[in-house]
Amino acid sequence: YERWLMTQRGMRYTSNSKDGSWTLKERWDFSWAEQGSEDIPAVLEVALKVTEKPKATLIGYSQGTAALWYGMVKKQSYFATRVNRVIFLASCLS
């Protein structure tokens, strides 16, 4: 099994600004909704392409569960065709 870990935007390892020119406001100007509708699908696309698998199992933890729920609601058909199982741990939504 392969495991792919995703971190949220703004962390030093996720910077798209190679020259470090982002301000703190620019680095942290995003929401967990954007993580669910943009970031998770982007990581999922790369993982599926690299592994050459048709679907993946996703595991969300804490804030990741909120982002994943949002993404799955907003992009139902996208996730339905690429995800076979979702596991939510320490969900921050009830």
Protein backbone atom coordinates (compact mmCIF):
# COMPACT_ATOMS: atom_id res chain seq x y z
CA TYR A 1 0.00 0.00 0.00
CA GLU A 2 1.10 3.53 -0.70
CA ARG A 3 0.32 6.38 1.65
CA TRP A 4 0.10 9.99 0.58
CA LEU A 5 0.00 12.69 3.24
CA MET A 6 -1.35 16.14 2.60
CA THR A 7 -0.72 19.25 4.67
CA GLN A 8 -2.69 22.46 4.49
CA ARG A 9 -1.70 25.54 2.55
CA GLY A 10 0.48 28.09 4.22
CA MET A 11 2.98 25.64 5.66
CA ARG A 12 6.57 26.18 4.57
CA TYR A 13 6.55 22.92 2.59
CA THR A 14 3.51 23.96 0.54
CA SER A 15 4.68 27.35 -0.66
CA ASN A 16 4.27 28.01 -4.39
CA SER A 17 6.40 31.11 -3.99
CA LYS A 18 9.93 29.78 -4.53
CA ASP A 19 11.49 33.16 -3.77
CA GLY A 20 9.67 33.46 -0.43
CA SER A 21 7.92 36.67 -1.44
CA TRP A 22 4.54 35.75 0.03
CA THR A 23 3.40 37.78 3.00
CA LEU A 24 1.88 35.98 5.99
CA LYS A 25 -1.55 37.22 4.90
CA GLU A 26 -1.08 35.78 1.40
CA ARG A 27 0.16 32.45 2.79
CA TRP A 28 -2.83 32.02 5.10
CA ASP A 29 -5.59 33.55 2.96
CA PHE A 30 -7.65 30.39 2.32
CA SER A 31 -10.46 28.42 3.91
CA TRP A 32 -11.04 24.76 4.68
CA ALA A 33 -13.75 24.94 1.99
CA GLU A 34 -11.05 25.69 -0.59
CA GLN A 35 -9.03 22.79 0.77
CA GLY A 36 -11.98 20.48 0.10
CA SER A 37 -12.91 21.79 -3.31
CA GLU A 38 -9.42 22.55 -4.69
CA ASP A 39 -6.53 21.13 -2.65
CA ILE A 40 -7.78 17.61 -1.92
CA PRO A 41 -8.81 17.02 -5.55
CA ALA A 42 -5.41 18.31 -6.73
CA VAL A 43 -3.52 15.92 -4.46
CA LEU A 44 -5.88 13.08 -5.37
CA GLU A 45 -5.25 13.62 -9.09
CA VAL A 46 -1.49 13.42 -8.61
CA ALA A 47 -1.72 10.33 -6.40
CA LEU A 48 -3.97 8.50 -8.86
CA LYS A 49 -1.75 9.43 -11.79
CA VAL A 50 1.46 8.32 -10.07
CA THR A 51 0.00 5.07 -8.70
CA GLU A 52 -1.98 4.36 -11.89
CA LYS A 53 -4.96 3.34 -9.74
CA PRO A 54 -8.55 4.23 -10.67
CA LYS A 55 -9.68 5.03 -7.11
CA ALA A 56 -8.28 5.76 -3.66
CA THR A 57 -9.28 5.50 -0.03
CA LEU A 58 -9.22 8.85 1.74
CA ILE A 59 -8.70 9.37 5.45
CA GLY A 60 -9.54 12.72 6.98
CA TYR A 61 -8.46 13.82 10.45
CA SER A 62 -9.94 16.74 12.38
CA GLN A 63 -9.98 19.81 10.08
CA GLY A 64 -9.32 17.49 7.17
CA THR A 65 -12.70 15.87 7.79
CA ALA A 66 -14.46 19.22 7.42
CA ALA A 67 -12.59 19.97 4.22
CA LEU A 68 -13.31 16.52 2.84
CA TRP A 69 -17.02 16.69 3.70
CA TYR A 70 -17.23 20.06 1.94
CA GLY A 71 -15.42 18.83 -1.14
CA MET A 72 -17.56 15.70 -1.35
CA VAL A 73 -20.77 17.74 -1.11
CA LYS A 74 -19.69 20.33 -3.68
CA LYS A 75 -18.09 17.86 -6.12
CA GLN A 76 -20.12 14.70 -5.64
CA SER A 77 -19.60 13.23 -9.10
CA TYR A 78 -15.85 13.99 -9.00
CA PHE A 79 -15.30 12.15 -5.72
CA ALA A 80 -17.70 9.33 -6.66
CA THR A 81 -15.55 8.42 -9.66
CA ARG A 82 -12.20 8.60 -7.84
CA VAL A 83 -12.83 7.46 -4.26
CA ASN A 84 -13.87 4.00 -3.13
CA ARG A 85 -13.92 4.62 0.64
CA VAL A 86 -13.65 7.52 3.07
CA ILE A 87 -12.62 7.24 6.71
CA PHE A 88 -13.18 10.15 9.09
CA LEU A 89 -11.11 10.30 12.30
CA ALA A 90 -11.59 12.87 15.09
CA SER A 91 -14.17 14.65 12.98
CA CYS A 92 -14.68 18.28 13.91
CA LEU A 93 -18.19 18.22 12.43
CA SER A 94 -21.08 16.53 14.13
